[in-house]
Each structure stands twice: as structure tokens, then as C-alpha cells.
């Protein structure tokens, strides 16, 4: 793995979402009409709140609707996204919520400062080789007892490579994975998998959705 490999997928993901940000937010306005998904986000917020007052980072926050929703549930949350255009849209739509530029692969946050991490349909753009270090970073910045909720399309590799969306030229790769494979990587990073749920596709969806909830042990086991 070289530095250029890392830069390539981060840069292509950033520039692709910059190109489609406005159309994306128009196509998917507000919170999704998916009761199971929203119930899981609510359960995640309740678990974070029960463990203390540390904030949640929504990684790959996009237009910011989920970040704002978690804030509305009484859990302080802020968003991080690769795309400057997405961050600008989120700040305009939710002026009372913090949104920052950044990558979940290299989070510039102090150790043990987050009560929770949300990554909903954002690890799908990270190649397999980069996920172990990404999840180790999650372990580092979570407080003991902190939770992670991941959502991603469940499927077999390689996934998709899109070169056009909403009429824009892009270079966006989507990595599909079995839920157990993601759970295994979380475990190796020292995070205990608490629940895995597979939701079958709803109308307009092509692939099942996987949700994995994990927790950093309060004993501080490193798993590495």
C-alpha cells in the first residue's frame, strides 16, 4: 500500500461528492422514511447517552440530517465529511450543528474523546486494505463503553464503480461486504460486536442493508 493509493481513493471520493452534492441533497431530502433504520439510530443514541456526555461524530455526514437528528435526541453530535460541498450544504441546512472537513481514515481527534461514532453508508467507499487501520482509529478515539453504529450495503465484492451520477462525471467506487467480515475487522480492532442486523431491500433499493453495532470495552482491551 502506497501513499498514492490512499490519496487516490480519498481524492476521487471527495471530488465525486463535490460534483453531485447539490443533486444528492435534492434527491434525498431530510431523514429517510425507513423505520428500522431510524429505530437503530435511536437505540444507538440511547446507548451513548447512558454511557456519559461525550459527543458523537457522524462520519460521512453528507447533508447533515442524521447528525442534526441525533442532536435532537439529546446527544451532542457533529459531522465530518470529505466533501467541502457537502459540508457547506450541511452548515446551511443546520446552522446550530457543527460540521467539519475530514476523513475517517485519519481522524485528528484526541484519544478517548467520543461517546459514539456513526458511519452510515460511508465505509462503502473505503477499500478493504484501509479498514483495519480505520477501525483501530475508532477504538482510539472512543471513550471506554463508547459505541459504533455502521450501516452498509451487504453483498459480495467487488461492488460498483460509477462514472456518472445525476448527469455528472464522477469516479466513485462502492465496496460491498458480508456483515460478518466487517464484524471480524471491528473485533480485531478491539471493539466488541453487540448486534448485527440485516434488512432486506425496500422499494427502490437493490441490495440488503447491514447494520453492525459495536462497543469499546470499558476494560480498555486493545485487541491489537
C-alpha atoms as a PDB file:
ATOM      1  CA  UNK A   1       0.000   0.000   0.000  1.00  0.00           C
ATOM      2  CA  UNK A   2       1.467   3.346  -1.003  1.00  0.00           C
ATOM      3  CA  UNK A   3       0.656   6.938  -0.081  1.00  0.00           C
ATOM      4  CA  UNK A   4      -0.645   7.464  -3.617  1.00  0.00           C
ATOM      5  CA  UNK A   5      -3.114   4.577  -3.179  1.00  0.00           C
ATOM      6  CA  UNK A   6      -4.569   6.319  -0.117  1.00  0.00           C
ATOM      7  CA  UNK A   7      -4.682   9.704  -1.812  1.00  0.00           C
ATOM      8  CA  UNK A   8      -6.344   8.311  -4.919  1.00  0.00           C
ATOM      9  CA  UNK A   9      -9.452   6.883  -3.251  1.00  0.00           C
ATOM     10  CA  UNK A  10      -9.824   9.828  -0.878  1.00  0.00           C
ATOM     11  CA  UNK A  11      -9.445  12.387  -3.662  1.00  0.00           C
ATOM     12  CA  UNK A  12     -11.768  10.625  -6.095  1.00  0.00           C
ATOM     13  CA  UNK A  13     -14.423  10.225  -3.386  1.00  0.00           C
ATOM     14  CA  UNK A  14     -14.108  13.891  -2.406  1.00  0.00           C
ATOM     15  CA  UNK A  15     -14.283  15.266  -5.937  1.00  0.00           C
ATOM     16  CA  UNK A  16     -17.141  12.946  -6.888  1.00  0.00           C
ATOM     17  CA  UNK A  17     -19.310  14.074  -3.961  1.00  0.00           C
ATOM     18  CA  UNK A  18     -18.400  17.698  -4.588  1.00  0.00           C
ATOM     19  CA  UNK A  19     -19.782  17.259  -8.105  1.00  0.00           C
ATOM     20  CA  UNK A  20     -23.080  15.668  -7.037  1.00  0.00           C
ATOM     21  CA  UNK A  21     -23.644  17.276  -3.607  1.00  0.00           C
ATOM     22  CA  UNK A  22     -26.496  19.601  -4.598  1.00  0.00           C
ATOM     23  CA  UNK A  23     -28.312  16.998  -6.680  1.00  0.00           C
ATOM     24  CA  UNK A  24     -27.782  14.346  -3.992  1.00  0.00           C
ATOM     25  CA  UNK A  25     -29.318  16.513  -1.277  1.00  0.00           C
ATOM     26  CA  UNK A  26     -32.263  17.324  -3.558  1.00  0.00           C
ATOM     27  CA  UNK A  27     -32.824  13.651  -4.386  1.00  0.00           C
ATOM     28  CA  UNK A  28     -32.631  12.575  -0.726  1.00  0.00           C
ATOM     29  CA  UNK A  29     -34.132  15.415   1.329  1.00  0.00           C
ATOM     30  CA  UNK A  30     -34.495  15.113   5.086  1.00  0.00           C
ATOM     31  CA  UNK A  31     -34.425  11.909   7.088  1.00  0.00           C
ATOM     32  CA  UNK A  32     -35.034   8.598   5.319  1.00  0.00           C
ATOM     33  CA  UNK A  33     -38.512   7.050   5.541  1.00  0.00           C
ATOM     34  CA  UNK A  34     -37.073   3.834   6.945  1.00  0.00           C
ATOM     35  CA  UNK A  35     -38.467   2.974  10.398  1.00  0.00           C
ATOM     36  CA  UNK A  36     -35.997   0.158  11.105  1.00  0.00           C
ATOM     37  CA  UNK A  37     -33.005   2.365  10.279  1.00  0.00           C
ATOM     38  CA  UNK A  38     -34.292   5.252  12.384  1.00  0.00           C
ATOM     39  CA  UNK A  39     -35.069   2.935  15.307  1.00  0.00           C
ATOM     40  CA  UNK A  40     -31.489   1.681  15.280  1.00  0.00           C
ATOM     41  CA  UNK A  41     -30.149   5.236  15.259  1.00  0.00           C
ATOM     42  CA  UNK A  42     -32.411   5.988  18.222  1.00  0.00           C
ATOM     43  CA  UNK A  43     -31.161   2.919  20.105  1.00  0.00           C
ATOM     44  CA  UNK A  44     -27.561   3.929  19.372  1.00  0.00           C
ATOM     45  CA  UNK A  45     -28.225   7.439  20.735  1.00  0.00           C
ATOM     46  CA  UNK A  46     -29.785   5.973  23.892  1.00  0.00           C
ATOM     47  CA  UNK A  47     -26.747   3.745  24.485  1.00  0.00           C
ATOM     48  CA  UNK A  48     -24.369   6.677  24.038  1.00  0.00           C
ATOM     49  CA  UNK A  49     -26.396   8.831  26.415  1.00  0.00           C
ATOM     50  CA  UNK A  50     -26.442   6.069  29.047  1.00  0.00           C
ATOM     51  CA  UNK A  51     -22.639   5.911  28.967  1.00  0.00           C
ATOM     52  CA  UNK A  52     -21.993   9.611  29.627  1.00  0.00           C
ATOM     53  CA  UNK A  53     -21.911  13.011  27.975  1.00  0.00           C
ATOM     54  CA  UNK A  54     -19.140  12.609  25.357  1.00  0.00           C
ATOM     55  CA  UNK A  55     -20.221  13.638  21.845  1.00  0.00           C
ATOM     56  CA  UNK A  56     -20.956  11.588  18.742  1.00  0.00           C
ATOM     57  CA  UNK A  57     -19.118  12.007  15.440  1.00  0.00           C
ATOM     58  CA  UNK A  58     -21.173  11.322  12.321  1.00  0.00           C
ATOM     59  CA  UNK A  59     -18.553  10.238   9.788  1.00  0.00           C
ATOM     60  CA  UNK A  60     -19.551  10.832   6.203  1.00  0.00           C
ATOM     61  CA  UNK A  61     -22.302  13.153   7.394  1.00  0.00           C
ATOM     62  CA  UNK A  62     -23.328  14.352   3.929  1.00  0.00           C
ATOM     63  CA  UNK A  63     -26.202  16.874   4.044  1.00  0.00           C
ATOM     64  CA  UNK A  64     -26.230  16.580   7.857  1.00  0.00           C
ATOM     65  CA  UNK A  65     -29.797  15.450   8.505  1.00  0.00           C
ATOM     66  CA  UNK A  66     -28.857  12.438  10.639  1.00  0.00           C
ATOM     67  CA  UNK A  67     -26.314  14.494  12.597  1.00  0.00           C
ATOM     68  CA  UNK A  68     -29.000  17.053  13.405  1.00  0.00           C
ATOM     69  CA  UNK A  69     -31.446  14.283  14.319  1.00  0.00           C
ATOM     70  CA  UNK A  70     -29.023  12.781  16.853  1.00  0.00           C
ATOM     71  CA  UNK A  71     -28.581  16.253  18.375  1.00  0.00           C
ATOM     72  CA  UNK A  72     -32.350  16.450  18.635  1.00  0.00           C
ATOM     73  CA  UNK A  73     -32.347  13.201  20.604  1.00  0.00           C
ATOM     74  CA  UNK A  74     -30.300  14.916  23.306  1.00  0.00           C
ATOM     75  CA  UNK A  75     -26.878  13.613  22.299  1.00  0.00           C
ATOM     76  CA  UNK A  76     -24.313  16.240  21.225  1.00  0.00           C
ATOM     77  CA  UNK A  77     -23.225  15.338  17.700  1.00  0.00           C
ATOM     78  CA  UNK A  78     -21.074  16.851  14.986  1.00  0.00           C
ATOM     79  CA  UNK A  79     -20.478  15.838  11.389  1.00  0.00           C
ATOM     80  CA  UNK A  80     -17.297  15.102   9.461  1.00  0.00           C
ATOM     81  CA  UNK A  81     -17.257  14.754   5.685  1.00  0.00           C
ATOM     82  CA  UNK A  82     -14.644  14.620   2.939  1.00  0.00           C
ATOM     83  CA  UNK A  83     -16.581  16.880   0.593  1.00  0.00           C
ATOM     84  CA  UNK A  84     -16.410  20.677   1.052  1.00  0.00           C
ATOM     85  CA  UNK A  85     -19.636  20.994  -0.952  1.00  0.00           C
ATOM     86  CA  UNK A  86     -21.449  18.567   1.360  1.00  0.00           C
ATOM     87  CA  UNK A  87     -20.139  20.352   4.451  1.00  0.00           C
ATOM     88  CA  UNK A  88     -21.332  23.701   3.064  1.00  0.00           C
ATOM     89  CA  UNK A  89     -24.815  22.285   2.410  1.00  0.00           C
ATOM     90  CA  UNK A  90     -24.979  20.763   5.898  1.00  0.00           C
ATOM     91  CA  UNK A  91     -23.925  24.010   7.579  1.00  0.00           C
ATOM     92  CA  UNK A  92     -26.545  25.960   5.620  1.00  0.00           C
ATOM     93  CA  UNK A  93     -29.324  23.494   6.424  1.00  0.00           C
ATOM     94  CA  UNK A  94     -28.413  23.020  10.111  1.00  0.00           C
ATOM     95  CA  UNK A  95     -26.733  26.204  11.384  1.00  0.00           C
ATOM     96  CA  UNK A  96     -26.875  25.062  15.007  1.00  0.00           C
ATOM     97  CA  UNK A  97     -24.784  21.932  14.358  1.00  0.00           C
ATOM     98  CA  UNK A  98     -21.031  21.681  13.777  1.00  0.00           C
ATOM     99  CA  UNK A  99     -19.726  20.202  10.526  1.00  0.00           C
ATOM    100  CA  UNK A 100     -16.056  19.779   9.652  1.00  0.00           C
ATOM    101  CA  UNK A 101     -13.944  18.637   6.732  1.00  0.00           C
ATOM    102  CA  UNK A 102     -12.047  15.430   7.354  1.00  0.00           C
ATOM    103  CA  UNK A 103     -11.550  11.765   6.608  1.00  0.00           C
ATOM    104  CA  UNK A 104     -12.493   8.864   8.862  1.00  0.00           C
ATOM    105  CA  UNK A 105      -9.247   7.204   7.774  1.00  0.00           C
ATOM    106  CA  UNK A 106      -7.176   9.826   9.615  1.00  0.00           C
ATOM    107  CA  UNK A 107      -9.244  11.466  12.331  1.00  0.00           C
ATOM    108  CA  UNK A 108      -7.441  14.335  14.042  1.00  0.00           C
ATOM    109  CA  UNK A 109      -9.157  13.847  17.397  1.00  0.00           C
ATOM    110  CA  UNK A 110      -7.656  13.193  20.847  1.00  0.00           C
ATOM    111  CA  UNK A 111      -7.769   9.738  22.390  1.00  0.00           C
ATOM    112  CA  UNK A 112     -10.917   8.699  24.286  1.00  0.00           C
ATOM    113  CA  UNK A 113     -12.999  11.781  23.479  1.00  0.00           C
ATOM    114  CA  UNK A 114     -16.049  10.411  21.617  1.00  0.00           C
ATOM    115  CA  UNK A 115     -19.051   8.739  23.161  1.00  0.00           C
ATOM    116  CA  UNK A 116     -20.108   7.315  19.816  1.00  0.00           C
ATOM    117  CA  UNK A 117     -19.327   7.031  16.128  1.00  0.00           C
ATOM    118  CA  UNK A 118     -21.917   6.846  13.358  1.00  0.00           C
ATOM    119  CA  UNK A 119     -20.817   5.781   9.880  1.00  0.00           C
ATOM    120  CA  UNK A 120     -23.916   5.276   7.750  1.00  0.00           C
ATOM    121  CA  UNK A 121     -23.154   4.190   4.198  1.00  0.00           C
ATOM    122  CA  UNK A 122     -19.711   5.804   4.313  1.00  0.00           C
ATOM    123  CA  UNK A 123     -17.347   2.857   4.891  1.00  0.00           C
ATOM    124  CA  UNK A 124     -18.570   1.640   1.486  1.00  0.00           C
ATOM    125  CA  UNK A 125     -16.078   3.982  -0.155  1.00  0.00           C
ATOM    126  CA  UNK A 126     -13.066   2.668   1.802  1.00  0.00           C
ATOM    127  CA  UNK A 127     -11.065  -0.214   0.273  1.00  0.00           C
ATOM    128  CA  UNK A 128     -10.672  -3.347   2.398  1.00  0.00           C
ATOM    129  CA  UNK A 129      -6.967  -2.729   2.968  1.00  0.00           C
ATOM    130  CA  UNK A 130      -7.705   0.555   4.769  1.00  0.00           C
ATOM    131  CA  UNK A 131     -10.495  -0.628   7.072  1.00  0.00           C
ATOM    132  CA  UNK A 132      -8.367  -2.249   9.835  1.00  0.00           C
ATOM    133  CA  UNK A 133      -6.476   0.999  10.480  1.00  0.00           C
ATOM    134  CA  UNK A 134      -9.722   2.982  10.220  1.00  0.00           C
ATOM    135  CA  UNK A 135     -11.390   0.809  12.862  1.00  0.00           C
ATOM    136  CA  UNK A 136      -8.280   0.984  15.066  1.00  0.00           C
ATOM    137  CA  UNK A 137      -8.705   4.763  14.886  1.00  0.00           C
ATOM    138  CA  UNK A 138     -12.302   4.389  16.036  1.00  0.00           C
ATOM    139  CA  UNK A 139     -11.114   2.384  19.043  1.00  0.00           C
ATOM    140  CA  UNK A 140      -8.529   5.034  19.889  1.00  0.00           C
ATOM    141  CA  UNK A 141     -10.910   7.989  19.964  1.00  0.00           C
ATOM    142  CA  UNK A 142     -13.854   6.305  21.697  1.00  0.00           C
ATOM    143  CA  UNK A 143     -14.273   6.559  25.442  1.00  0.00           C
ATOM    144  CA  UNK A 144     -14.473   3.224  27.261  1.00  0.00           C
ATOM    145  CA  UNK A 145     -18.009   1.953  26.762  1.00  0.00           C
ATOM    146  CA  UNK A 146     -18.439   4.087  23.606  1.00  0.00           C
ATOM    147  CA  UNK A 147     -20.472   2.705  20.714  1.00  0.00           C
ATOM    148  CA  UNK A 148     -20.116   2.484  16.937  1.00  0.00           C
ATOM    149  CA  UNK A 149     -23.048   2.053  14.535  1.00  0.00           C
ATOM    150  CA  UNK A 150     -22.187   1.157  10.947  1.00  0.00           C
ATOM    151  CA  UNK A 151     -24.581   0.769   8.027  1.00  0.00           C
ATOM    152  CA  UNK A 152     -23.615  -0.515   4.607  1.00  0.00           C
ATOM    153  CA  UNK A 153     -24.936  -2.482   1.663  1.00  0.00           C
ATOM    154  CA  UNK A 154     -24.496  -6.199   2.277  1.00  0.00           C
ATOM    155  CA  UNK A 155     -23.059  -8.072  -0.671  1.00  0.00           C
ATOM    156  CA  UNK A 156     -20.098  -9.789  -2.185  1.00  0.00           C
ATOM    157  CA  UNK A 157     -17.091  -7.969  -3.605  1.00  0.00           C
ATOM    158  CA  UNK A 158     -16.240  -6.103  -5.711  1.00  0.00           C
ATOM    159  CA  UNK A 159     -19.268  -3.776  -5.519  1.00  0.00           C
ATOM    160  CA  UNK A 160     -19.716  -0.961  -8.033  1.00  0.00           C
ATOM    161  CA  UNK A 161     -17.723   1.616  -9.939  1.00  0.00           C
ATOM    162  CA  UNK A 162     -19.807   4.575 -11.102  1.00  0.00           C
ATOM    163  CA  UNK A 163     -18.520   7.082 -13.638  1.00  0.00           C
ATOM    164  CA  UNK A 164     -21.765   9.093 -13.896  1.00  0.00           C
ATOM    165  CA  UNK A 165     -24.488  10.137 -11.481  1.00  0.00           C
ATOM    166  CA  UNK A 166     -27.119  12.878 -11.692  1.00  0.00           C
ATOM    167  CA  UNK A 167     -25.636  13.782 -15.069  1.00  0.00           C
ATOM    168  CA  UNK A 168     -22.160  14.483 -13.616  1.00  0.00           C
ATOM    169  CA  UNK A 169     -18.939  12.677 -14.459  1.00  0.00           C
ATOM    170  CA  UNK A 170     -17.573  11.012 -11.326  1.00  0.00           C
ATOM    171  CA  UNK A 171     -15.138   8.292 -10.273  1.00  0.00           C
ATOM    172  CA  UNK A 172     -16.810   6.669  -7.284  1.00  0.00           C
ATOM    173  CA  UNK A 173     -16.183   3.143  -6.063  1.00  0.00           C
ATOM    174  CA  UNK A 174     -18.563   1.273  -3.744  1.00  0.00           C
ATOM    175  CA  UNK A 175     -17.226  -1.711  -1.802  1.00  0.00           C
ATOM    176  CA  UNK A 176     -19.800  -4.366  -0.855  1.00  0.00           C
ATOM    177  CA  UNK A 177     -19.022  -6.736   2.036  1.00  0.00           C
ATOM    178  CA  UNK A 178     -20.637  -9.511   4.066  1.00  0.00           C
ATOM    179  CA  UNK A 179     -21.691  -8.311   7.510  1.00  0.00           C
ATOM    180  CA  UNK A 180     -19.563 -10.939   9.266  1.00  0.00           C
ATOM    181  CA  UNK A 181     -16.408  -9.639   7.558  1.00  0.00           C
ATOM    182  CA  UNK A 182     -16.986  -6.136   8.938  1.00  0.00           C
ATOM    183  CA  UNK A 183     -17.737  -7.578  12.369  1.00  0.00           C
ATOM    184  CA  UNK A 184     -14.490  -9.558  12.308  1.00  0.00           C
ATOM    185  CA  UNK A 185     -12.482  -6.424  11.483  1.00  0.00           C
ATOM    186  CA  UNK A 186     -14.151  -4.495  14.307  1.00  0.00           C
ATOM    187  CA  UNK A 187     -13.335  -7.311  16.735  1.00  0.00           C
ATOM    188  CA  UNK A 188      -9.692  -7.336  15.671  1.00  0.00           C
ATOM    189  CA  UNK A 189      -9.594  -3.586  16.349  1.00  0.00           C
ATOM    190  CA  UNK A 190     -10.690  -4.229  19.946  1.00  0.00           C
ATOM    191  CA  UNK A 191     -14.399  -3.415  19.532  1.00  0.00           C
ATOM    192  CA  UNK A 192     -16.980  -5.930  20.763  1.00  0.00           C
ATOM    193  CA  UNK A 193     -19.811  -6.561  18.295  1.00  0.00           C
ATOM    194  CA  UNK A 194     -23.079  -6.154  20.199  1.00  0.00           C
ATOM    195  CA  UNK A 195     -25.601  -6.674  17.385  1.00  0.00           C
ATOM    196  CA  UNK A 196     -25.809  -7.346  13.667  1.00  0.00           C
ATOM    197  CA  UNK A 197     -28.997  -6.813  11.700  1.00  0.00           C
ATOM    198  CA  UNK A 198     -29.745  -7.444   8.034  1.00  0.00           C
ATOM    199  CA  UNK A 199     -32.637  -5.540   6.492  1.00  0.00           C
ATOM    200  CA  UNK A 200     -33.974  -6.700   3.158  1.00  0.00           C
ATOM    201  CA  UNK A 201     -34.184  -4.113   0.351  1.00  0.00           C
ATOM    202  CA  UNK A 202     -37.079  -1.679   0.431  1.00  0.00           C
ATOM    203  CA  UNK A 203     -38.741  -0.264  -2.667  1.00  0.00           C
ATOM    204  CA  UNK A 204     -36.101   1.451  -4.786  1.00  0.00           C
ATOM    205  CA  UNK A 205     -33.202  -0.427  -3.139  1.00  0.00           C
ATOM    206  CA  UNK A 206     -31.203  -3.160  -4.855  1.00  0.00           C
ATOM    207  CA  UNK A 207     -29.153  -4.686  -2.031  1.00  0.00           C
ATOM    208  CA  UNK A 208     -29.838  -5.739   1.572  1.00  0.00           C
ATOM    209  CA  UNK A 209     -28.662  -3.335   4.270  1.00  0.00           C
ATOM    210  CA  UNK A 210     -26.389  -4.452   7.088  1.00  0.00           C
ATOM    211  CA  UNK A 211     -26.166  -2.708  10.452  1.00  0.00           C
ATOM    212  CA  UNK A 212     -23.403  -3.531  12.913  1.00  0.00           C
ATOM    213  CA  UNK A 213     -23.388  -2.132  16.451  1.00  0.00           C
ATOM    214  CA  UNK A 214     -20.119  -2.436  18.373  1.00  0.00           C
ATOM    215  CA  UNK A 215     -18.765  -1.202  21.691  1.00  0.00           C
ATOM    216  CA  UNK A 216     -15.360  -0.353  23.102  1.00  0.00           C
ATOM    217  CA  UNK A 217     -14.968  -2.406  26.283  1.00  0.00           C
ATOM    218  CA  UNK A 218     -14.805  -0.438  29.482  1.00  0.00           C
ATOM    219  CA  UNK A 219     -11.767  -2.510  30.436  1.00  0.00           C
ATOM    220  CA  UNK A 220      -9.862  -0.886  27.574  1.00  0.00           C
ATOM    221  CA  UNK A 221      -8.894  -4.123  25.799  1.00  0.00           C
ATOM    222  CA  UNK A 222      -6.871  -3.157  22.725  1.00  0.00           C
ATOM    223  CA  UNK A 223      -7.462  -6.201  20.526  1.00  0.00           C
ATOM    224  CA  UNK A 224      -4.262  -5.483  18.593  1.00  0.00           C
END
